């Protein structure tokens, strides 16, 4: 069976990108990749402190929707989706690239993690994806694709990843269950697991430079991935070429995950 695919392959697709902090963000790589394939972008920024770093990027990408979004603030998530519904009337792709944990809980061992810190990390980094999916699904009237960013530490112990290991494991499991629930509606859900990247979020991990060096040494391809590698993987998965893929964690790490 042949597929009729427009060129550019995602022309006029409506894509919401959440989680850009600066030009080094994985979410920015996703935004650039989707835009290159013809999509229209809605981009969010965390708060007024973050806005000056994100607004020029959104402007360069020609994003017609640019809104604040702190998932921990009541009503902000709902406001974003209400604006998208009013402006576009639909949504084709959701990219959730948001993770946060209190520094004192992140940099200590799991045994020392506070209940409050664990709950906050889980709410922002995991449950917010479920809330987004609930709001996005009705707008994906002809099907769609949802992405959440994970990491290898969700499945194997990574030194100093600490609290975020269980949190990302919960995120991956949530994505699988959402793929099951939303599949009948033509909506596909993917946890994406990039290799280590120098992002603002990663800078909070202890000895992160050592993690980067180890990944580059162990990768079968001999080098680290970059944000565009992640972005183009997501863009591919949102096309008709990946129409029967859903629910599985996709590793974008140069092959590090296959190494013992």
C-alpha atoms as a PDB file:
ATOM      1  CA  UNK A   1       0.000   0.000   0.000  1.00  0.00           C
ATOM      2  CA  UNK A   2       1.380   3.406  -0.931  1.00  0.00           C
ATOM      3  CA  UNK A   3       1.047   6.488   1.233  1.00  0.00           C
ATOM      4  CA  UNK A   4       0.122   9.887  -0.093  1.00  0.00           C
ATOM      5  CA  UNK A   5       2.262  12.284   1.893  1.00  0.00           C
ATOM      6  CA  UNK A   6       2.247  16.059   1.278  1.00  0.00           C
ATOM      7  CA  UNK A   7       5.443  18.015   0.794  1.00  0.00           C
ATOM      8  CA  UNK A   8       6.623  19.485   3.102  1.00  0.00           C
ATOM      9  CA  UNK A   9       5.567  16.367   4.939  1.00  0.00           C
ATOM     10  CA  UNK A  10       4.009  18.205   7.908  1.00  0.00           C
ATOM     11  CA  UNK A  11       2.753  21.276   6.062  1.00  0.00           C
ATOM     12  CA  UNK A  12       0.100  23.112   8.107  1.00  0.00           C
ATOM     13  CA  UNK A  13       0.272  20.636  10.990  1.00  0.00           C
ATOM     14  CA  UNK A  14      -0.501  22.373  14.292  1.00  0.00           C
ATOM     15  CA  UNK A  15       2.175  21.635  16.901  1.00  0.00           C
ATOM     16  CA  UNK A  16       2.372  22.676  20.562  1.00  0.00           C
ATOM     17  CA  UNK A  17       5.907  22.799  21.973  1.00  0.00           C
ATOM     18  CA  UNK A  18       6.239  23.031  25.773  1.00  0.00           C
ATOM     19  CA  UNK A  19       9.561  23.331  27.534  1.00  0.00           C
ATOM     20  CA  UNK A  20      11.850  25.688  25.601  1.00  0.00           C
ATOM     21  CA  UNK A  21      14.165  27.501  28.018  1.00  0.00           C
ATOM     22  CA  UNK A  22      16.839  28.639  25.544  1.00  0.00           C
ATOM     23  CA  UNK A  23      18.517  27.672  22.272  1.00  0.00           C
ATOM     24  CA  UNK A  24      20.069  24.600  23.905  1.00  0.00           C
ATOM     25  CA  UNK A  25      16.734  23.065  24.921  1.00  0.00           C
ATOM     26  CA  UNK A  26      15.594  19.749  23.476  1.00  0.00           C
ATOM     27  CA  UNK A  27      12.196  21.384  22.950  1.00  0.00           C
ATOM     28  CA  UNK A  28      13.845  24.006  20.729  1.00  0.00           C
ATOM     29  CA  UNK A  29      15.361  21.271  18.566  1.00  0.00           C
ATOM     30  CA  UNK A  30      11.875  19.798  18.239  1.00  0.00           C
ATOM     31  CA  UNK A  31      10.413  23.181  17.298  1.00  0.00           C
ATOM     32  CA  UNK A  32      13.048  23.731  14.620  1.00  0.00           C
ATOM     33  CA  UNK A  33      12.555  20.260  13.152  1.00  0.00           C
ATOM     34  CA  UNK A  34       8.769  20.544  12.992  1.00  0.00           C
ATOM     35  CA  UNK A  35       9.004  24.006  11.474  1.00  0.00           C
ATOM     36  CA  UNK A  36      11.466  22.789   8.845  1.00  0.00           C
ATOM     37  CA  UNK A  37       8.910  20.163   7.814  1.00  0.00           C
ATOM     38  CA  UNK A  38       6.208  22.806   7.378  1.00  0.00           C
ATOM     39  CA  UNK A  39       4.347  22.785  10.702  1.00  0.00           C
ATOM     40  CA  UNK A  40       2.798  25.778  12.450  1.00  0.00           C
ATOM     41  CA  UNK A  41       4.005  26.203  16.024  1.00  0.00           C
ATOM     42  CA  UNK A  42       2.536  27.188  19.360  1.00  0.00           C
ATOM     43  CA  UNK A  43       5.360  27.815  21.830  1.00  0.00           C
ATOM     44  CA  UNK A  44       5.184  28.341  25.583  1.00  0.00           C
ATOM     45  CA  UNK A  45       7.577  29.971  28.040  1.00  0.00           C
ATOM     46  CA  UNK A  46       7.768  29.344  31.775  1.00  0.00           C
ATOM     47  CA  UNK A  47       7.435  32.885  33.155  1.00  0.00           C
ATOM     48  CA  UNK A  48       8.469  36.511  32.621  1.00  0.00           C
ATOM     49  CA  UNK A  49      12.042  35.705  33.656  1.00  0.00           C
ATOM     50  CA  UNK A  50      12.260  33.102  30.887  1.00  0.00           C
ATOM     51  CA  UNK A  51      10.419  35.134  28.253  1.00  0.00           C
ATOM     52  CA  UNK A  52      13.403  37.176  26.960  1.00  0.00           C
ATOM     53  CA  UNK A  53      15.286  33.932  26.260  1.00  0.00           C
ATOM     54  CA  UNK A  54      12.411  32.207  24.468  1.00  0.00           C
ATOM     55  CA  UNK A  55      10.587  35.005  22.642  1.00  0.00           C
ATOM     56  CA  UNK A  56      13.333  35.660  20.024  1.00  0.00           C
ATOM     57  CA  UNK A  57      13.409  31.927  19.235  1.00  0.00           C
ATOM     58  CA  UNK A  58       9.632  31.823  18.810  1.00  0.00           C
ATOM     59  CA  UNK A  59       9.778  34.907  16.608  1.00  0.00           C
ATOM     60  CA  UNK A  60      12.492  33.419  14.380  1.00  0.00           C
ATOM     61  CA  UNK A  61      10.376  30.286  13.984  1.00  0.00           C
ATOM     62  CA  UNK A  62       7.335  32.346  13.022  1.00  0.00           C
ATOM     63  CA  UNK A  63       5.229  30.913  15.848  1.00  0.00           C
ATOM     64  CA  UNK A  64       1.784  32.560  15.726  1.00  0.00           C
ATOM     65  CA  UNK A  65       0.994  31.435  19.296  1.00  0.00           C
ATOM     66  CA  UNK A  66       3.329  32.348  22.164  1.00  0.00           C
ATOM     67  CA  UNK A  67       1.995  31.929  25.682  1.00  0.00           C
ATOM     68  CA  UNK A  68       3.146  31.556  29.312  1.00  0.00           C
ATOM     69  CA  UNK A  69       2.916  28.114  30.848  1.00  0.00           C
ATOM     70  CA  UNK A  70       3.912  27.075  34.341  1.00  0.00           C
ATOM     71  CA  UNK A  71       2.190  23.712  34.832  1.00  0.00           C
ATOM     72  CA  UNK A  72       2.328  24.181  38.599  1.00  0.00           C
ATOM     73  CA  UNK A  73       0.122  27.276  38.385  1.00  0.00           C
ATOM     74  CA  UNK A  74      -3.629  26.594  38.372  1.00  0.00           C
ATOM     75  CA  UNK A  75      -5.369  27.591  35.159  1.00  0.00           C
ATOM     76  CA  UNK A  76      -2.324  28.251  32.965  1.00  0.00           C
ATOM     77  CA  UNK A  77      -2.465  24.896  31.198  1.00  0.00           C
ATOM     78  CA  UNK A  78      -6.176  25.254  30.518  1.00  0.00           C
ATOM     79  CA  UNK A  79      -5.612  28.781  29.158  1.00  0.00           C
ATOM     80  CA  UNK A  80      -3.055  27.522  26.640  1.00  0.00           C
ATOM     81  CA  UNK A  81      -5.386  24.891  25.226  1.00  0.00           C
ATOM     82  CA  UNK A  82      -8.343  27.274  25.193  1.00  0.00           C
ATOM     83  CA  UNK A  83      -6.262  29.704  23.123  1.00  0.00           C
ATOM     84  CA  UNK A  84      -5.211  26.944  20.718  1.00  0.00           C
ATOM     85  CA  UNK A  85      -8.819  25.836  20.287  1.00  0.00           C
ATOM     86  CA  UNK A  86      -9.940  29.407  19.623  1.00  0.00           C
ATOM     87  CA  UNK A  87      -7.076  30.172  17.206  1.00  0.00           C
ATOM     88  CA  UNK A  88      -6.594  26.872  15.367  1.00  0.00           C
ATOM     89  CA  UNK A  89      -9.586  24.763  16.272  1.00  0.00           C
ATOM     90  CA  UNK A  90      -7.396  21.676  16.357  1.00  0.00           C
ATOM     91  CA  UNK A  91      -4.030  20.253  17.409  1.00  0.00           C
ATOM     92  CA  UNK A  92      -1.960  17.604  15.639  1.00  0.00           C
ATOM     93  CA  UNK A  93       1.160  17.240  17.796  1.00  0.00           C
ATOM     94  CA  UNK A  94       2.011  17.801  21.461  1.00  0.00           C
ATOM     95  CA  UNK A  95       5.631  17.926  22.680  1.00  0.00           C
ATOM     96  CA  UNK A  96       6.046  17.815  26.464  1.00  0.00           C
ATOM     97  CA  UNK A  97       9.659  18.568  27.394  1.00  0.00           C
ATOM     98  CA  UNK A  98       9.243  19.676  30.985  1.00  0.00           C
ATOM     99  CA  UNK A  99      11.076  18.355  34.036  1.00  0.00           C
ATOM    100  CA  UNK A 100      11.804  19.825  37.434  1.00  0.00           C
ATOM    101  CA  UNK A 101      12.713  18.784  40.958  1.00  0.00           C
ATOM    102  CA  UNK A 102      13.825  20.767  44.003  1.00  0.00           C
ATOM    103  CA  UNK A 103      17.607  21.001  43.900  1.00  0.00           C
ATOM    104  CA  UNK A 104      18.108  19.670  47.407  1.00  0.00           C
ATOM    105  CA  UNK A 105      16.038  16.585  46.590  1.00  0.00           C
ATOM    106  CA  UNK A 106      17.625  16.089  43.173  1.00  0.00           C
ATOM    107  CA  UNK A 107      21.224  16.262  44.333  1.00  0.00           C
ATOM    108  CA  UNK A 108      20.771  14.015  47.348  1.00  0.00           C
ATOM    109  CA  UNK A 109      20.217  10.277  47.221  1.00  0.00           C
ATOM    110  CA  UNK A 110      16.751   8.801  46.880  1.00  0.00           C
ATOM    111  CA  UNK A 111      16.760   7.772  50.550  1.00  0.00           C
ATOM    112  CA  UNK A 112      17.090  11.431  51.520  1.00  0.00           C
ATOM    113  CA  UNK A 113      14.423  12.721  49.145  1.00  0.00           C
ATOM    114  CA  UNK A 114      11.563  14.474  50.919  1.00  0.00           C
ATOM    115  CA  UNK A 115       7.961  13.468  50.320  1.00  0.00           C
ATOM    116  CA  UNK A 116       7.184  17.029  49.262  1.00  0.00           C
ATOM    117  CA  UNK A 117      10.095  17.131  46.806  1.00  0.00           C
ATOM    118  CA  UNK A 118       9.133  13.777  45.319  1.00  0.00           C
ATOM    119  CA  UNK A 119       5.527  14.911  44.893  1.00  0.00           C
ATOM    120  CA  UNK A 120       6.547  18.186  43.230  1.00  0.00           C
ATOM    121  CA  UNK A 121       8.938  16.433  40.851  1.00  0.00           C
ATOM    122  CA  UNK A 122       6.264  13.892  39.931  1.00  0.00           C
ATOM    123  CA  UNK A 123       3.606  16.553  39.397  1.00  0.00           C
ATOM    124  CA  UNK A 124       5.680  18.813  37.151  1.00  0.00           C
ATOM    125  CA  UNK A 125       7.661  16.154  35.301  1.00  0.00           C
ATOM    126  CA  UNK A 126       5.054  13.412  34.925  1.00  0.00           C
ATOM    127  CA  UNK A 127       1.473  14.207  35.854  1.00  0.00           C
ATOM    128  CA  UNK A 128       1.560  17.427  33.830  1.00  0.00           C
ATOM    129  CA  UNK A 129       1.903  15.252  30.718  1.00  0.00           C
ATOM    130  CA  UNK A 130      -1.260  13.390  31.647  1.00  0.00           C
ATOM    131  CA  UNK A 131      -3.077  16.695  32.180  1.00  0.00           C
ATOM    132  CA  UNK A 132      -1.844  17.948  28.817  1.00  0.00           C
ATOM    133  CA  UNK A 133      -2.963  14.756  27.111  1.00  0.00           C
ATOM    134  CA  UNK A 134      -6.442  15.121  28.616  1.00  0.00           C
ATOM    135  CA  UNK A 135      -6.734  18.648  27.178  1.00  0.00           C
ATOM    136  CA  UNK A 136      -5.043  17.875  23.864  1.00  0.00           C
ATOM    137  CA  UNK A 137      -6.988  14.743  22.943  1.00  0.00           C
ATOM    138  CA  UNK A 138     -10.304  16.505  22.133  1.00  0.00           C
ATOM    139  CA  UNK A 139      -8.429  18.836  19.769  1.00  0.00           C
ATOM    140  CA  UNK A 140      -6.839  15.912  17.905  1.00  0.00           C
ATOM    141  CA  UNK A 141     -10.034  15.307  15.970  1.00  0.00           C
ATOM    142  CA  UNK A 142      -8.334  13.426  13.141  1.00  0.00           C
ATOM    143  CA  UNK A 143      -5.731  11.734  15.292  1.00  0.00           C
ATOM    144  CA  UNK A 144      -2.372  13.051  16.403  1.00  0.00           C
ATOM    145  CA  UNK A 145       0.890  12.362  18.177  1.00  0.00           C
ATOM    146  CA  UNK A 146       2.094  13.138  21.703  1.00  0.00           C
ATOM    147  CA  UNK A 147       5.685  13.104  22.940  1.00  0.00           C
ATOM    148  CA  UNK A 148       7.224  13.123  26.419  1.00  0.00           C
ATOM    149  CA  UNK A 149      10.965  13.385  27.072  1.00  0.00           C
ATOM    150  CA  UNK A 150      12.514  10.684  29.245  1.00  0.00           C
ATOM    151  CA  UNK A 151      16.052   9.401  29.854  1.00  0.00           C
ATOM    152  CA  UNK A 152      17.905   6.081  30.159  1.00  0.00           C
ATOM    153  CA  UNK A 153      17.917   6.516  33.934  1.00  0.00           C
ATOM    154  CA  UNK A 154      14.231   5.598  33.910  1.00  0.00           C
ATOM    155  CA  UNK A 155      15.137   1.950  33.289  1.00  0.00           C
ATOM    156  CA  UNK A 156      18.703   1.539  34.530  1.00  0.00           C
ATOM    157  CA  UNK A 157      20.479   3.117  37.470  1.00  0.00           C
ATOM    158  CA  UNK A 158      22.530   6.131  36.377  1.00  0.00           C
ATOM    159  CA  UNK A 159      24.879   7.578  38.973  1.00  0.00           C
ATOM    160  CA  UNK A 160      23.571  10.885  40.390  1.00  0.00           C
ATOM    161  CA  UNK A 161      20.268  10.742  38.484  1.00  0.00           C
ATOM    162  CA  UNK A 162      18.639   9.988  41.830  1.00  0.00           C
ATOM    163  CA  UNK A 163      15.040  11.187  42.205  1.00  0.00           C
ATOM    164  CA  UNK A 164      14.510  11.669  38.472  1.00  0.00           C
ATOM    165  CA  UNK A 165      14.941   7.944  37.791  1.00  0.00           C
ATOM    166  CA  UNK A 166      11.642   6.909  39.419  1.00  0.00           C
ATOM    167  CA  UNK A 167       9.951  10.041  38.054  1.00  0.00           C
ATOM    168  CA  UNK A 168      10.968   9.312  34.463  1.00  0.00           C
ATOM    169  CA  UNK A 169      10.025   5.656  34.906  1.00  0.00           C
ATOM    170  CA  UNK A 170       6.539   6.823  35.876  1.00  0.00           C
ATOM    171  CA  UNK A 171       6.481   9.135  32.847  1.00  0.00           C
ATOM    172  CA  UNK A 172       7.330   6.287  30.470  1.00  0.00           C
ATOM    173  CA  UNK A 173       4.682   4.035  32.034  1.00  0.00           C
ATOM    174  CA  UNK A 174       2.133   6.849  31.792  1.00  0.00           C
ATOM    175  CA  UNK A 175       2.927   7.299  28.099  1.00  0.00           C
ATOM    176  CA  UNK A 176       2.357   3.591  27.479  1.00  0.00           C
ATOM    177  CA  UNK A 177      -1.015   3.647  29.220  1.00  0.00           C
ATOM    178  CA  UNK A 178      -2.015   6.797  27.359  1.00  0.00           C
ATOM    179  CA  UNK A 179      -1.042   5.118  24.090  1.00  0.00           C
ATOM    180  CA  UNK A 180      -3.433   2.309  25.005  1.00  0.00           C
ATOM    181  CA  UNK A 181      -6.276   4.635  25.970  1.00  0.00           C
ATOM    182  CA  UNK A 182      -5.884   7.027  23.056  1.00  0.00           C
ATOM    183  CA  UNK A 183      -5.041   4.537  20.314  1.00  0.00           C
ATOM    184  CA  UNK A 184      -8.687   3.970  19.326  1.00  0.00           C
ATOM    185  CA  UNK A 185      -8.920   7.710  18.667  1.00  0.00           C
ATOM    186  CA  UNK A 186      -5.986   7.609  16.255  1.00  0.00           C
ATOM    187  CA  UNK A 187      -3.652   9.295  18.738  1.00  0.00           C
ATOM    188  CA  UNK A 188      -0.150   7.888  19.142  1.00  0.00           C
ATOM    189  CA  UNK A 189       1.987   8.483  22.242  1.00  0.00           C
ATOM    190  CA  UNK A 190       5.761   8.154  22.471  1.00  0.00           C
ATOM    191  CA  UNK A 191       8.235   8.508  25.330  1.00  0.00           C
ATOM    192  CA  UNK A 192      11.482   9.745  23.769  1.00  0.00           C
ATOM    193  CA  UNK A 193      14.762   8.948  25.527  1.00  0.00           C
ATOM    194  CA  UNK A 194      17.593  11.202  24.312  1.00  0.00           C
ATOM    195  CA  UNK A 195      21.187  10.630  25.267  1.00  0.00           C
ATOM    196  CA  UNK A 196      22.728  13.168  27.671  1.00  0.00           C
ATOM    197  CA  UNK A 197      22.691  16.728  26.329  1.00  0.00           C
ATOM    198  CA  UNK A 198      23.955  20.006  27.740  1.00  0.00           C
ATOM    199  CA  UNK A 199      20.590  21.506  28.590  1.00  0.00           C
ATOM    200  CA  UNK A 200      19.557  23.810  31.405  1.00  0.00           C
ATOM    201  CA  UNK A 201      17.667  20.995  33.121  1.00  0.00           C
ATOM    202  CA  UNK A 202      20.661  18.642  32.971  1.00  0.00           C
ATOM    203  CA  UNK A 203      22.920  21.237  34.568  1.00  0.00           C
ATOM    204  CA  UNK A 204      21.265  20.462  37.912  1.00  0.00           C
ATOM    205  CA  UNK A 205      22.696  16.933  37.949  1.00  0.00           C
ATOM    206  CA  UNK A 206      25.860  16.315  39.940  1.00  0.00           C
ATOM    207  CA  UNK A 207      28.971  15.495  37.845  1.00  0.00           C
ATOM    208  CA  UNK A 208      27.012  15.848  34.605  1.00  0.00           C
ATOM    209  CA  UNK A 209      30.178  16.465  32.569  1.00  0.00           C
ATOM    210  CA  UNK A 210      31.395  13.000  33.546  1.00  0.00           C
ATOM    211  CA  UNK A 211      28.095  11.549  32.329  1.00  0.00           C
ATOM    212  CA  UNK A 212      28.537  13.279  28.972  1.00  0.00           C
ATOM    213  CA  UNK A 213      32.082  12.030  28.563  1.00  0.00           C
ATOM    214  CA  UNK A 214      31.066   8.462  29.424  1.00  0.00           C
ATOM    215  CA  UNK A 215      28.176   8.523  26.918  1.00  0.00           C
ATOM    216  CA  UNK A 216      30.445   9.734  24.127  1.00  0.00           C
ATOM    217  CA  UNK A 217      32.974   7.020  24.949  1.00  0.00           C
ATOM    218  CA  UNK A 218      30.421   4.203  25.002  1.00  0.00           C
ATOM    219  CA  UNK A 219      28.262   5.220  22.044  1.00  0.00           C
ATOM    220  CA  UNK A 220      28.637   2.824  19.070  1.00  0.00           C
ATOM    221  CA  UNK A 221      28.401   5.857  16.798  1.00  0.00           C
ATOM    222  CA  UNK A 222      31.267   7.480  18.691  1.00  0.00           C
ATOM    223  CA  UNK A 223      29.665  10.823  19.483  1.00  0.00           C
ATOM    224  CA  UNK A 224      26.911  12.534  21.431  1.00  0.00           C
ATOM    225  CA  UNK A 225      23.551  13.362  19.919  1.00  0.00           C
ATOM    226  CA  UNK A 226      22.262  16.928  19.626  1.00  0.00           C
ATOM    227  CA  UNK A 227      18.878  18.591  19.964  1.00  0.00           C
ATOM    228  CA  UNK A 228      18.175  18.346  16.234  1.00  0.00           C
ATOM    229  CA  UNK A 229      18.641  14.568  16.336  1.00  0.00           C
ATOM    230  CA  UNK A 230      15.859  14.448  18.899  1.00  0.00           C
ATOM    231  CA  UNK A 231      13.725  16.945  16.992  1.00  0.00           C
ATOM    232  CA  UNK A 232      13.869  15.105  13.686  1.00  0.00           C
ATOM    233  CA  UNK A 233      13.081  11.797  15.410  1.00  0.00           C
ATOM    234  CA  UNK A 234       9.912  13.329  16.842  1.00  0.00           C
ATOM    235  CA  UNK A 235       9.029  14.938  13.524  1.00  0.00           C
ATOM    236  CA  UNK A 236       9.416  11.585  11.744  1.00  0.00           C
ATOM    237  CA  UNK A 237       7.219   9.847  14.297  1.00  0.00           C
ATOM    238  CA  UNK A 238       4.502  12.441  13.715  1.00  0.00           C
ATOM    239  CA  UNK A 239       4.377  11.732   9.980  1.00  0.00           C
ATOM    240  CA  UNK A 240       2.287   9.084   8.199  1.00  0.00           C
ATOM    241  CA  UNK A 241       5.517   7.134   7.725  1.00  0.00           C
ATOM    242  CA  UNK A 242       5.295   6.131  11.417  1.00  0.00           C
ATOM    243  CA  UNK A 243       1.537   5.633  11.499  1.00  0.00           C
ATOM    244  CA  UNK A 244       1.655   2.211  13.192  1.00  0.00           C
ATOM    245  CA  UNK A 245       4.183   3.101  15.906  1.00  0.00           C
ATOM    246  CA  UNK A 246       2.950   3.979  19.379  1.00  0.00           C
ATOM    247  CA  UNK A 247       3.682   3.469  23.049  1.00  0.00           C
ATOM    248  CA  UNK A 248       7.305   2.423  22.807  1.00  0.00           C
ATOM    249  CA  UNK A 249      10.274   4.296  24.212  1.00  0.00           C
ATOM    250  CA  UNK A 250      12.475   5.550  21.366  1.00  0.00           C
ATOM    251  CA  UNK A 251      16.154   5.954  22.245  1.00  0.00           C
ATOM    252  CA  UNK A 252      17.981   8.771  20.485  1.00  0.00           C
ATOM    253  CA  UNK A 253      21.427   8.251  21.962  1.00  0.00           C
ATOM    254  CA  UNK A 254      23.794   6.993  19.281  1.00  0.00           C
ATOM    255  CA  UNK A 255      23.265   3.437  20.540  1.00  0.00           C
ATOM    256  CA  UNK A 256      24.432   3.898  24.141  1.00  0.00           C
ATOM    257  CA  UNK A 257      21.355   2.065  25.450  1.00  0.00           C
ATOM    258  CA  UNK A 258      22.393  -1.213  23.801  1.00  0.00           C
ATOM    259  CA  UNK A 259      25.770  -1.307  25.556  1.00  0.00           C
ATOM    260  CA  UNK A 260      26.346  -3.386  28.707  1.00  0.00           C
END
